[in-house]
N, C-alpha and C. Protein backbone atom coordinates (compact mmCIF):
# COMPACT_ATOMS: atom_id res chain seq x y z
N UNK A 1 -22.63 4.59 14.68
CA UNK A 1 -21.67 6.00 12.95
C UNK A 1 -22.83 6.62 13.65
N UNK A 2 -22.64 7.95 13.24
CA UNK A 2 -24.34 9.10 13.61
C UNK A 2 -25.14 9.04 12.20
N UNK A 3 -26.17 9.30 12.54
CA UNK A 3 -26.74 9.23 11.46
C UNK A 3 -27.16 10.04 9.76
N UNK A 4 -26.25 10.80 10.50
CA UNK A 4 -26.32 11.30 8.32
C UNK A 4 -24.78 10.46 7.79
N UNK A 5 -24.12 9.60 8.59
CA UNK A 5 -23.42 9.08 8.07
C UNK A 5 -23.85 7.65 7.59
N UNK A 6 -25.03 7.54 8.09
CA UNK A 6 -25.80 6.37 8.02
C UNK A 6 -26.08 5.92 5.88
N UNK A 7 -25.84 4.32 5.58
CA UNK A 7 -25.97 4.71 4.36
C UNK A 7 -27.26 3.51 3.88
N UNK A 8 -27.73 4.21 3.50
CA UNK A 8 -29.76 4.44 3.97
C UNK A 8 -29.65 4.59 2.12
N UNK A 9 -29.12 4.31 1.44
CA UNK A 9 -29.51 4.89 -0.49
C UNK A 9 -28.82 3.84 -0.65
N UNK A 10 -29.37 4.08 -2.07
CA UNK A 10 -29.56 2.74 -3.33
C UNK A 10 -28.80 3.20 -4.43
N UNK A 11 -27.97 3.97 -5.16
CA UNK A 11 -27.65 4.00 -6.50
C UNK A 11 -27.96 2.95 -7.70
N UNK A 12 -27.67 2.80 -8.41
CA UNK A 12 -28.37 1.38 -9.31
C UNK A 12 -28.13 1.31 -11.08
N UNK A 13 -27.43 0.12 -11.29
CA UNK A 13 -27.48 0.55 -12.93
C UNK A 13 -27.65 -0.78 -13.44
N UNK A 14 -28.06 -1.03 -14.86
CA UNK A 14 -28.23 -1.73 -15.53
C UNK A 14 -26.43 -2.45 -16.18
N UNK A 15 -26.62 -4.35 -15.82
CA UNK A 15 -25.35 -4.59 -16.83
C UNK A 15 -25.79 -5.51 -17.32
N UNK A 16 -25.05 -6.27 -18.11
CA UNK A 16 -25.24 -7.21 -19.29
C UNK A 16 -24.22 -8.66 -18.07
N UNK A 17 -24.81 -9.80 -17.78
CA UNK A 17 -23.80 -10.36 -17.68
C UNK A 17 -22.76 -10.49 -17.93
N UNK A 18 -21.92 -9.97 -19.07
CA UNK A 18 -20.51 -10.16 -19.19
C UNK A 18 -20.50 -8.96 -18.15
N UNK A 19 -20.92 -8.27 -18.15
CA UNK A 19 -20.71 -6.50 -17.46
C UNK A 19 -20.38 -7.29 -16.24
N UNK A 20 -21.32 -7.36 -16.33
CA UNK A 20 -21.03 -8.06 -13.98
C UNK A 20 -19.98 -8.70 -13.82
N UNK A 21 -19.65 -9.93 -14.44
CA UNK A 21 -18.47 -10.38 -14.59
C UNK A 21 -17.38 -9.91 -13.93
N UNK A 22 -17.44 -8.92 -14.87
CA UNK A 22 -16.27 -8.45 -15.05
C UNK A 22 -15.71 -8.11 -13.82
N UNK A 23 -17.41 -6.67 -13.53
CA UNK A 23 -16.87 -5.80 -12.25
C UNK A 23 -16.09 -6.57 -10.55
N UNK A 24 -17.33 -7.75 -11.06
CA UNK A 24 -16.84 -8.96 -10.31
C UNK A 24 -15.99 -9.49 -9.69
N UNK A 25 -14.42 -9.68 -10.51
CA UNK A 25 -13.56 -9.68 -10.92
C UNK A 25 -12.41 -9.07 -10.33
N UNK A 26 -13.27 -8.56 -10.54
CA UNK A 26 -12.76 -6.02 -10.51
C UNK A 26 -12.21 -6.20 -9.29
N UNK A 27 -13.41 -6.42 -8.91
CA UNK A 27 -13.64 -5.83 -6.96
C UNK A 27 -13.04 -6.87 -6.01
N UNK A 28 -13.13 -8.71 -6.27
CA UNK A 28 -12.43 -9.18 -5.66
C UNK A 28 -11.47 -9.71 -6.01
N UNK A 29 -10.74 -8.51 -7.04
CA UNK A 29 -9.14 -8.84 -6.81
C UNK A 29 -9.28 -8.12 -6.17
N UNK A 30 -9.55 -7.20 -5.44
CA UNK A 30 -9.09 -5.85 -4.52
C UNK A 30 -9.94 -6.24 -3.01
N UNK A 31 -10.09 -7.45 -2.87
CA UNK A 31 -10.40 -8.09 -2.15
C UNK A 31 -11.73 -6.92 -1.44
N UNK A 32 -12.68 -6.46 -1.64
CA UNK A 32 -13.57 -5.81 -1.51
C UNK A 32 -14.96 -6.47 -1.98
N UNK A 33 -16.68 -6.15 -1.69
CA UNK A 33 -17.17 -6.44 -2.36
C UNK A 33 -17.59 -5.88 -3.54
N UNK A 34 -18.71 -6.24 -4.29
CA UNK A 34 -19.44 -5.55 -5.35
C UNK A 34 -19.93 -4.05 -5.31
N UNK A 35 -20.35 -4.34 -3.98
CA UNK A 35 -21.35 -3.06 -3.34
C UNK A 35 -19.83 -2.22 -2.88
N UNK A 36 -18.67 -2.56 -2.20
CA UNK A 36 -18.07 -1.30 -1.92
C UNK A 36 -17.50 -1.08 -2.99
N UNK A 37 -16.63 -1.72 -3.91
CA UNK A 37 -15.84 -1.16 -4.95
C UNK A 37 -16.73 -0.33 -5.51
N UNK A 38 -18.06 -0.69 -5.98
CA UNK A 38 -18.51 0.73 -7.45
C UNK A 38 -18.81 1.62 -5.38
N UNK A 39 -18.88 1.82 -4.57
CA UNK A 39 -18.69 2.68 -3.55
C UNK A 39 -17.77 3.85 -4.08
N UNK A 40 -16.59 2.34 -3.51
CA UNK A 40 -15.58 3.04 -4.00
C UNK A 40 -15.67 5.00 -5.35
N UNK A 41 -15.79 3.71 -6.41
CA UNK A 41 -15.36 3.98 -7.90
C UNK A 41 -15.50 4.35 -8.31
N UNK A 42 -17.39 5.71 -7.68
CA UNK A 42 -18.59 6.05 -6.92
C UNK A 42 -17.65 7.22 -6.98
N UNK A 43 -17.58 7.24 -5.72
CA UNK A 43 -16.79 8.55 -5.10
C UNK A 43 -15.51 8.91 -5.35
N UNK A 44 -14.95 8.16 -5.63
CA UNK A 44 -13.52 8.30 -6.25
C UNK A 44 -14.20 9.47 -7.36
N UNK A 45 -14.49 9.24 -8.37
CA UNK A 45 -15.30 9.98 -9.17
C UNK A 45 -15.85 11.06 -8.98
N UNK A 46 -16.38 11.12 -7.74
CA UNK A 46 -17.66 12.74 -7.43
C UNK A 46 -16.77 13.49 -7.42
N UNK A 47 -15.18 13.12 -6.30
CA UNK A 47 -14.64 13.63 -5.27
C UNK A 47 -13.22 14.49 -5.91
N UNK A 48 -13.07 13.62 -7.70
CA UNK A 48 -11.90 14.30 -7.99
C UNK A 48 -11.04 12.66 -7.80
N UNK A 49 -10.23 12.03 -9.43
CA UNK A 49 -10.17 10.57 -8.79
C UNK A 49 -8.51 10.61 -8.88
N UNK A 50 -8.11 10.08 -7.81
CA UNK A 50 -7.56 9.75 -7.12
C UNK A 50 -6.31 8.83 -8.40
N UNK A 51 -5.42 9.38 -8.53
CA UNK A 51 -4.35 8.16 -9.18
C UNK A 51 -3.26 7.29 -8.95
N UNK A 52 -3.82 6.82 -9.39
CA UNK A 52 -2.72 4.97 -9.42
C UNK A 52 -1.57 5.08 -9.08
N UNK A 53 -1.33 4.57 -7.99
CA UNK A 53 -0.17 4.13 -8.11
C UNK A 53 1.43 4.47 -8.81
N UNK A 54 0.80 3.35 -10.29
CA UNK A 54 1.73 3.58 -11.44
C UNK A 54 2.23 5.04 -12.20
N UNK A 55 0.89 6.08 -11.93
CA UNK A 55 0.27 7.01 -12.66
C UNK A 55 1.00 7.87 -11.50
N UNK A 56 1.39 8.05 -10.23
CA UNK A 56 2.15 8.73 -9.18
C UNK A 56 3.48 8.58 -9.91
N UNK A 57 4.06 7.40 -10.25
CA UNK A 57 5.34 6.62 -10.62
C UNK A 57 5.62 7.48 -11.35
N UNK A 58 4.73 6.93 -12.61
CA UNK A 58 6.03 8.03 -13.80
C UNK A 58 5.72 9.23 -13.47
N UNK A 59 4.81 10.34 -13.20
CA UNK A 59 5.14 11.22 -12.56
C UNK A 59 5.98 11.58 -12.12
N UNK A 60 6.24 11.52 -11.45
CA UNK A 60 7.86 11.63 -10.62
C UNK A 60 8.24 11.18 -11.31
N UNK A 61 8.79 10.21 -11.98
CA UNK A 61 10.14 10.39 -13.17
C UNK A 61 9.88 11.03 -13.94
N UNK A 62 9.19 11.36 -14.00
CA UNK A 62 9.15 12.55 -15.06
C UNK A 62 9.83 13.63 -14.50
N UNK A 63 8.91 13.70 -13.59
CA UNK A 63 9.14 15.48 -12.99
C UNK A 63 11.14 15.36 -12.81
N UNK A 64 11.08 14.44 -12.28
CA UNK A 64 12.91 13.80 -11.67
C UNK A 64 13.99 13.86 -13.14
N UNK A 65 13.37 13.85 -13.75
CA UNK A 65 13.99 13.47 -15.08
C UNK A 65 14.12 15.17 -15.97
N UNK A 66 13.22 15.72 -15.78
CA UNK A 66 13.27 17.45 -16.25
C UNK A 66 13.87 17.52 -15.32
N UNK A 67 13.93 17.69 -13.67
CA UNK A 67 14.52 18.32 -12.89
C UNK A 67 16.44 17.58 -13.40
N UNK A 68 16.75 16.92 -13.70
CA UNK A 68 17.96 16.53 -13.69
C UNK A 68 18.78 17.38 -15.88
N UNK A 69 17.31 16.57 -16.22
CA UNK A 69 17.77 17.79 -17.43
C UNK A 69 18.58 19.02 -17.73
N UNK A 70 17.51 20.00 -16.55
CA UNK A 70 17.15 21.13 -17.25
C UNK A 70 18.55 21.76 -16.80
N UNK A 71 18.51 21.13 -15.38
CA UNK A 71 20.00 21.02 -14.24
C UNK A 71 21.08 21.45 -15.05
N UNK A 72 21.22 20.08 -15.98
CA UNK A 72 21.90 19.63 -17.05
C UNK A 72 22.21 20.90 -17.68
N UNK A 73 21.14 21.22 -18.48
CA UNK A 73 21.89 22.36 -19.90
C UNK A 73 22.01 23.22 -19.06
N UNK A 74 21.63 23.80 -18.08
CA UNK A 74 21.93 25.19 -17.44
C UNK A 74 22.69 25.37 -16.66
N UNK A 75 23.69 24.40 -16.09
CA UNK A 75 25.22 23.78 -15.93
C UNK A 75 26.24 24.54 -17.29
N UNK A 76 25.09 23.40 -18.57
CA UNK A 76 26.53 23.71 -20.40
C UNK A 76 26.21 24.68 -20.26
N UNK A 77 24.90 25.45 -20.51
CA UNK A 77 25.16 26.77 -20.95
C UNK A 77 26.21 27.61 -20.30
N UNK A 78 26.42 27.55 -18.72
CA UNK A 78 27.07 28.93 -18.18
C UNK A 78 27.98 28.25 -18.58
N UNK A 79 28.75 26.94 -19.44
CA UNK A 79 29.73 27.21 -19.61
C UNK A 79 30.64 25.94 -18.70
N UNK A 80 29.40 25.30 -17.58
CA UNK A 80 30.01 24.73 -17.06
C UNK A 80 30.24 22.93 -16.95
N UNK A 81 31.99 22.85 -16.53
CA UNK A 81 32.40 21.26 -16.86
C UNK A 81 30.50 20.43 -15.68
N UNK A 82 30.47 19.03 -16.22
CA UNK A 82 29.61 18.79 -16.08
C UNK A 82 29.61 17.30 -15.89
N UNK A 83 30.41 16.63 -13.85
CA UNK A 83 31.24 16.47 -13.87
C UNK A 83 30.31 14.55 -13.24
N UNK A 84 31.38 13.79 -12.85
CA UNK A 84 30.44 12.16 -13.28
C UNK A 84 29.78 12.27 -11.75
N UNK A 85 30.87 13.47 -10.36
CA UNK A 85 30.28 13.59 -9.61
C UNK A 85 28.65 14.38 -9.53
N UNK A 86 28.95 15.80 -10.48
CA UNK A 86 28.08 17.28 -10.33
C UNK A 86 26.73 16.24 -10.73
N UNK A 87 27.22 15.15 -11.49
CA UNK A 87 25.70 14.48 -11.99
C UNK A 87 24.73 12.80 -11.40
N UNK A 88 25.56 12.71 -10.48
CA UNK A 88 24.86 11.47 -9.82
C UNK A 88 24.47 13.22 -8.55
N UNK A 89 24.68 13.72 -8.51
CA UNK A 89 24.36 14.78 -7.58
C UNK A 89 23.39 15.49 -7.67
N UNK A 90 23.15 15.85 -8.91
CA UNK A 90 21.77 16.04 -9.67
C UNK A 90 20.38 14.95 -9.76
N UNK A 91 21.63 14.11 -9.74
CA UNK A 91 20.19 12.72 -10.51
C UNK A 91 19.61 12.70 -8.25
N UNK A 92 20.84 12.42 -7.64
CA UNK A 92 20.63 12.16 -6.20
C UNK A 92 19.09 13.28 -5.07
N UNK A 93 19.77 14.45 -6.36
CA UNK A 93 18.24 15.49 -5.76
C UNK A 93 17.29 15.97 -6.12
N UNK A 94 17.39 15.08 -7.49
CA UNK A 94 15.81 14.84 -8.10
C UNK A 94 15.19 13.66 -7.44
N UNK A 95 16.26 12.35 -7.32
CA UNK A 95 15.20 11.69 -6.74
C UNK A 95 14.17 11.75 -4.94
N UNK A 96 15.76 12.71 -5.06
CA UNK A 96 15.07 13.03 -3.26
C UNK A 96 13.50 13.84 -3.57
N UNK A 97 13.44 14.47 -4.06
CA UNK A 97 12.13 15.41 -4.51
C UNK A 97 10.86 14.57 -5.27
N UNK A 98 11.03 14.38 -6.01
CA UNK A 98 10.19 13.42 -7.17
C UNK A 98 8.61 13.32 -6.56
N UNK A 99 8.54 11.95 -5.86
CA UNK A 99 7.30 12.42 -5.40
C UNK A 99 6.76 13.09 -4.70
N UNK A 100 7.86 13.50 -3.71
CA UNK A 100 6.12 15.15 -3.29
C UNK A 100 6.14 15.70 -4.07
N UNK A 101 7.24 16.69 -5.81
CA UNK A 101 5.93 17.38 -6.58
C UNK A 101 5.54 16.34 -7.31
N UNK A 102 5.29 15.29 -7.34
CA UNK A 102 4.56 14.16 -8.06
C UNK A 102 2.83 14.31 -7.64
N UNK A 103 3.08 14.23 -6.01
CA UNK A 103 1.82 14.90 -5.12
C UNK A 103 1.70 16.04 -5.54
N UNK A 104 2.11 16.83 -5.21
CA UNK A 104 1.88 18.30 -5.64
C UNK A 104 0.81 18.87 -6.37
N UNK A 105 1.72 17.76 -8.25
CA UNK A 105 1.05 18.42 -9.16
C UNK A 105 0.05 17.20 -9.39
N UNK A 106 -0.16 16.89 -8.67
CA UNK A 106 -1.71 16.07 -8.58
C UNK A 106 -2.78 16.37 -7.71
N UNK A 107 -2.78 17.27 -6.76
CA UNK A 107 -2.72 17.76 -5.23
C UNK A 107 -3.86 19.21 -6.64
N UNK A 108 -3.18 19.62 -6.90
CA UNK A 108 -3.21 20.33 -7.56
C UNK A 108 -4.66 20.88 -8.62
N UNK A 109 -3.91 19.94 -9.54
CA UNK A 109 -4.76 19.47 -10.54
C UNK A 109 -6.17 18.80 -10.14
N UNK A 110 -6.41 17.75 -8.91
CA UNK A 110 -7.76 17.92 -8.86
C UNK A 110 -8.39 18.85 -8.33
N UNK A 111 -7.47 20.28 -7.91
CA UNK A 111 -7.91 21.22 -7.68
C UNK A 111 -9.05 22.01 -7.84
N UNK A 112 -8.03 21.44 -9.85
CA UNK A 112 -8.59 23.68 -10.46
C UNK A 112 -6.50 24.19 -10.19
N UNK A 113 -5.69 23.20 -9.18
CA UNK A 113 -5.04 25.28 -9.33
C UNK A 113 -3.35 24.16 -10.59
N UNK A 114 -3.97 23.85 -11.35
CA UNK A 114 -3.04 23.17 -12.38
C UNK A 114 -1.76 24.20 -12.51
N UNK A 115 -0.59 24.07 -13.22
CA UNK A 115 -0.90 25.37 -14.09
C UNK A 115 0.48 24.77 -15.27
């Protein structure tokens, strides 16, 4: 490991016994030592918190639902019929792109470029 990447600095804080046990339990659930877990959490926060999988999934579903609704409303506003086949096509299209779009929005939010 290069000298500039050596971990030779310490960051610390005081906790109660109950808080300490809670932190240890969370770290163990993630398969990490308390020190590794603390480092990961601190660096995540310092670098802009990364979305958890459940947050990313929920955002992806909201984006897909928005895409489906906007397309369906647009077709209706144009007086076009919305058949079952067309609705299935809208759903498939929205599902195809939802995770990519969610990741793009989360990345933009992390860099402050969110619209």
